[in-house]
Amino acid sequence: MLRAGFDSLLSLAMFLVFTGFAVAALVFAAMAREDAYRAADKQTKKFWLIILGVNLVLNLLLPTLFLQIAGVIAA
């Protein structure tokens, strides 16, 4: 019984941390200048905004730990 409560508390904490990280990554990507992406020879700003937006939506709709970890790696 005690372990079940701890597991649910830990899952909630991880969900909040990963969702907060996804929101922060999306906000920072939206605030960055377009030329910063080109200067680093990386993907375009639009590409990263789409990836991070999809990650945030998936975190909110399907709170599966695997998808959240994949989103953190993408961010």
N, C-alpha and C. Protein backbone atom coordinates (compact mmCIF):
# COMPACT_ATOMS: atom_id res chain seq x y z
N MET A 1 0.82 -1.19 0.00
CA MET A 1 0.00 0.00 0.00
C MET A 1 0.87 1.26 0.00
N LEU A 2 1.88 1.26 0.84
CA LEU A 2 2.76 2.42 0.90
C LEU A 2 3.55 2.56 -0.39
N ARG A 3 3.98 1.44 -0.93
CA ARG A 3 4.75 1.49 -2.17
C ARG A 3 3.89 1.99 -3.33
N ALA A 4 2.63 1.62 -3.38
CA ALA A 4 1.75 2.09 -4.45
C ALA A 4 1.59 3.61 -4.38
N GLY A 5 1.48 4.14 -3.18
CA GLY A 5 1.39 5.59 -3.03
C GLY A 5 2.67 6.28 -3.47
N PHE A 6 3.81 5.68 -3.11
CA PHE A 6 5.10 6.24 -3.52
C PHE A 6 5.26 6.19 -5.03
N ASP A 7 4.86 5.08 -5.64
CA ASP A 7 4.97 4.94 -7.09
C ASP A 7 4.11 5.98 -7.81
N SER A 8 2.90 6.21 -7.31
CA SER A 8 2.04 7.19 -7.97
C SER A 8 2.59 8.60 -7.77
N LEU A 9 3.16 8.88 -6.60
CA LEU A 9 3.76 10.19 -6.35
C LEU A 9 4.99 10.40 -7.24
N LEU A 10 5.79 9.37 -7.37
CA LEU A 10 6.97 9.45 -8.22
C LEU A 10 6.58 9.63 -9.69
N SER A 11 5.56 8.92 -10.12
CA SER A 11 5.08 9.06 -11.50
C SER A 11 4.56 10.47 -11.76
N LEU A 12 3.83 11.02 -10.80
CA LEU A 12 3.33 12.39 -10.95
C LEU A 12 4.48 13.39 -11.01
N ALA A 13 5.47 13.20 -10.15
CA ALA A 13 6.62 14.11 -10.14
C ALA A 13 7.37 14.04 -11.46
N MET A 14 7.58 12.85 -11.98
CA MET A 14 8.28 12.70 -13.26
C MET A 14 7.46 13.30 -14.40
N PHE A 15 6.15 13.11 -14.37
CA PHE A 15 5.29 13.69 -15.40
C PHE A 15 5.40 15.21 -15.38
N LEU A 16 5.36 15.81 -14.20
CA LEU A 16 5.44 17.26 -14.10
C LEU A 16 6.80 17.78 -14.55
N VAL A 17 7.86 17.09 -14.18
CA VAL A 17 9.21 17.51 -14.58
C VAL A 17 9.38 17.41 -16.09
N PHE A 18 8.99 16.28 -16.67
CA PHE A 18 9.15 16.10 -18.11
C PHE A 18 8.26 17.04 -18.90
N THR A 19 7.05 17.28 -18.44
CA THR A 19 6.16 18.21 -19.13
C THR A 19 6.69 19.64 -19.02
N GLY A 20 7.19 20.00 -17.86
CA GLY A 20 7.80 21.32 -17.70
C GLY A 20 9.01 21.50 -18.59
N PHE A 21 9.81 20.46 -18.71
CA PHE A 21 10.98 20.52 -19.59
C PHE A 21 10.55 20.66 -21.05
N ALA A 22 9.49 19.96 -21.44
CA ALA A 22 9.00 20.06 -22.82
C ALA A 22 8.46 21.46 -23.11
N VAL A 23 7.76 22.05 -22.15
CA VAL A 23 7.25 23.41 -22.33
C VAL A 23 8.41 24.40 -22.44
N ALA A 24 9.40 24.25 -21.56
CA ALA A 24 10.56 25.16 -21.58
C ALA A 24 11.32 25.04 -22.90
N ALA A 25 11.52 23.83 -23.38
CA ALA A 25 12.23 23.64 -24.65
C ALA A 25 11.47 24.27 -25.81
N LEU A 26 10.15 24.11 -25.81
CA LEU A 26 9.34 24.71 -26.87
C LEU A 26 9.39 26.23 -26.81
N VAL A 27 9.32 26.80 -25.63
CA VAL A 27 9.37 28.26 -25.48
C VAL A 27 10.73 28.79 -25.90
N PHE A 28 11.80 28.15 -25.46
CA PHE A 28 13.14 28.61 -25.83
C PHE A 28 13.38 28.47 -27.33
N ALA A 29 12.87 27.40 -27.93
CA ALA A 29 13.02 27.23 -29.38
C ALA A 29 12.23 28.30 -30.13
N ALA A 30 11.07 28.66 -29.61
CA ALA A 30 10.27 29.69 -30.27
C ALA A 30 10.90 31.07 -30.14
N MET A 31 11.64 31.30 -29.05
CA MET A 31 12.25 32.61 -28.83
C MET A 31 13.58 32.77 -29.56
N ALA A 32 14.21 31.68 -29.96
CA ALA A 32 15.51 31.76 -30.62
C ALA A 32 15.36 32.34 -32.02
N ARG A 33 16.40 33.03 -32.47
CA ARG A 33 16.38 33.61 -33.81
C ARG A 33 16.57 32.51 -34.86
N GLU A 34 16.00 32.73 -36.02
CA GLU A 34 16.10 31.76 -37.13
C GLU A 34 17.55 31.59 -37.57
N ASP A 35 18.32 32.66 -37.58
CA ASP A 35 19.70 32.55 -38.06
C ASP A 35 20.58 31.74 -37.11
N ALA A 36 20.17 31.58 -35.86
CA ALA A 36 20.94 30.75 -34.93
C ALA A 36 20.90 29.28 -35.36
N TYR A 37 19.81 28.86 -35.93
CA TYR A 37 19.70 27.48 -36.40
C TYR A 37 20.57 27.26 -37.64
N ARG A 38 20.57 28.23 -38.53
CA ARG A 38 21.38 28.12 -39.74
C ARG A 38 22.86 28.23 -39.43
N ALA A 39 23.23 29.05 -38.45
CA ALA A 39 24.64 29.22 -38.10
C ALA A 39 25.22 27.93 -37.53
N ALA A 40 24.42 27.14 -36.88
CA ALA A 40 24.90 25.89 -36.30
C ALA A 40 24.78 24.73 -37.29
N ASP A 41 24.32 24.99 -38.51
CA ASP A 41 24.12 23.95 -39.52
C ASP A 41 23.23 22.82 -39.00
N LYS A 42 22.18 23.20 -38.32
CA LYS A 42 21.22 22.23 -37.79
C LYS A 42 19.94 22.33 -38.60
N GLN A 43 18.92 21.62 -38.14
CA GLN A 43 17.61 21.68 -38.79
C GLN A 43 17.03 23.08 -38.63
N THR A 44 15.98 23.36 -39.36
CA THR A 44 15.37 24.69 -39.32
C THR A 44 14.59 24.89 -38.02
N LYS A 45 14.28 26.13 -37.76
CA LYS A 45 13.50 26.47 -36.58
C LYS A 45 12.12 25.83 -36.64
N LYS A 46 11.51 25.86 -37.82
CA LYS A 46 10.18 25.27 -38.00
C LYS A 46 10.20 23.78 -37.67
N PHE A 47 11.24 23.07 -38.12
CA PHE A 47 11.38 21.64 -37.84
C PHE A 47 11.39 21.38 -36.34
N TRP A 48 12.20 22.14 -35.60
CA TRP A 48 12.31 21.92 -34.16
C TRP A 48 11.04 22.32 -33.43
N LEU A 49 10.37 23.35 -33.89
CA LEU A 49 9.11 23.72 -33.25
C LEU A 49 8.06 22.62 -33.44
N ILE A 50 8.04 22.01 -34.61
CA ILE A 50 7.11 20.91 -34.86
C ILE A 50 7.44 19.71 -33.97
N ILE A 51 8.72 19.33 -33.93
CA ILE A 51 9.14 18.19 -33.10
C ILE A 51 8.80 18.43 -31.63
N LEU A 52 9.13 19.60 -31.12
CA LEU A 52 8.88 19.89 -29.71
C LEU A 52 7.39 20.05 -29.42
N GLY A 53 6.63 20.58 -30.37
CA GLY A 53 5.19 20.69 -30.18
C GLY A 53 4.51 19.33 -30.15
N VAL A 54 4.93 18.45 -31.04
CA VAL A 54 4.38 17.08 -31.05
C VAL A 54 4.75 16.38 -29.74
N ASN A 55 5.97 16.58 -29.28
CA ASN A 55 6.40 15.99 -28.02
C ASN A 55 5.52 16.47 -26.86
N LEU A 56 5.23 17.75 -26.81
CA LEU A 56 4.40 18.29 -25.73
C LEU A 56 2.99 17.73 -25.79
N VAL A 57 2.42 17.66 -26.98
CA VAL A 57 1.06 17.12 -27.12
C VAL A 57 1.03 15.64 -26.71
N LEU A 58 2.04 14.88 -27.12
CA LEU A 58 2.08 13.47 -26.73
C LEU A 58 2.25 13.31 -25.23
N ASN A 59 3.05 14.17 -24.61
CA ASN A 59 3.20 14.10 -23.15
C ASN A 59 1.89 14.36 -22.44
N LEU A 60 1.10 15.27 -22.97
CA LEU A 60 -0.16 15.60 -22.31
C LEU A 60 -1.25 14.57 -22.59
N LEU A 61 -1.27 14.01 -23.80
CA LEU A 61 -2.32 13.05 -24.15
C LEU A 61 -2.00 11.62 -23.73
N LEU A 62 -0.74 11.24 -23.87
CA LEU A 62 -0.32 9.87 -23.55
C LEU A 62 0.84 9.93 -22.55
N PRO A 63 0.54 10.06 -21.28
CA PRO A 63 1.63 10.22 -20.31
C PRO A 63 2.38 8.90 -20.06
N THR A 64 2.99 8.39 -21.11
CA THR A 64 3.79 7.18 -21.01
C THR A 64 5.24 7.57 -20.81
N LEU A 65 5.90 6.93 -19.88
CA LEU A 65 7.26 7.32 -19.52
C LEU A 65 8.21 7.21 -20.71
N PHE A 66 8.05 6.20 -21.55
CA PHE A 66 8.94 6.04 -22.69
C PHE A 66 8.86 7.23 -23.64
N LEU A 67 7.65 7.70 -23.93
CA LEU A 67 7.49 8.85 -24.82
C LEU A 67 8.05 10.12 -24.19
N GLN A 68 7.94 10.25 -22.89
CA GLN A 68 8.48 11.43 -22.22
C GLN A 68 10.01 11.42 -22.27
N ILE A 69 10.62 10.28 -22.07
CA ILE A 69 12.08 10.20 -22.14
C ILE A 69 12.55 10.48 -23.55
N ALA A 70 11.85 9.97 -24.55
CA ALA A 70 12.22 10.25 -25.94
C ALA A 70 12.09 11.75 -26.23
N GLY A 71 11.10 12.39 -25.66
CA GLY A 71 10.94 13.83 -25.84
C GLY A 71 12.05 14.63 -25.18
N VAL A 72 12.50 14.18 -24.03
CA VAL A 72 13.62 14.85 -23.36
C VAL A 72 14.88 14.72 -24.19
N ILE A 73 15.08 13.57 -24.80
CA ILE A 73 16.25 13.38 -25.67
C ILE A 73 16.16 14.30 -26.88
N ALA A 74 14.97 14.45 -27.44
CA ALA A 74 14.80 15.33 -28.60
C ALA A 74 15.03 16.79 -28.23
N ALA A 75 14.64 17.15 -27.03
CA ALA A 75 14.82 18.54 -26.59
C ALA A 75 16.27 18.80 -26.29
